[in-house]
Amino acid sequence: MDRRQLRLVLVTMTSLTLCSGCRTGVRHFAELNDPAPFVRARAAGLDDSVSDAQAIPALIEHLEDVDPVVRLSSHEALRQRTGQDFGFVPYGTPEERSAAVARWRAWWASQMAAPADRRRVPAVGNAPRR
């Protein structure tokens, strides 16, 4: 990890930590569509009551967000919910990110096509936290 990438991670983690206890901070997954990048980044890991069937596609979409911190937060939320990674690098080139997002989408499509008893992540409800 180079200095720029490390700085991005440190700034992200510091920002998320500082606002984690704020009463006026982000509180709902629905804020993933807020115009402010900080709000979108914070919302990615919130609201465990949102089903995987709703959350995972939204998080996959936000892997292509214009803001690298939103991409980082969305990827981390996906990894926590699914246990999958697919080589996504939030600060990678657009081509690298696009290939990894395609792998995420293909995986999710395969999960939805599989019989419910063979899915790695339930279509409804939340996966156990790791």
Foldseek 3Di string as FASTA:
>chain_A
DDPVLVVLVVVLVVLLVVCVPPPPAAAELVQCPPPDLNNVLNSLQHDLQAWCLPNLVSLLVQCPPPDLSNVVSSQVNCCQQQVDHQQADSPDDPVSNVVSSVVSVVLVVVQVVDPQVPHSAHNTHTHDGD
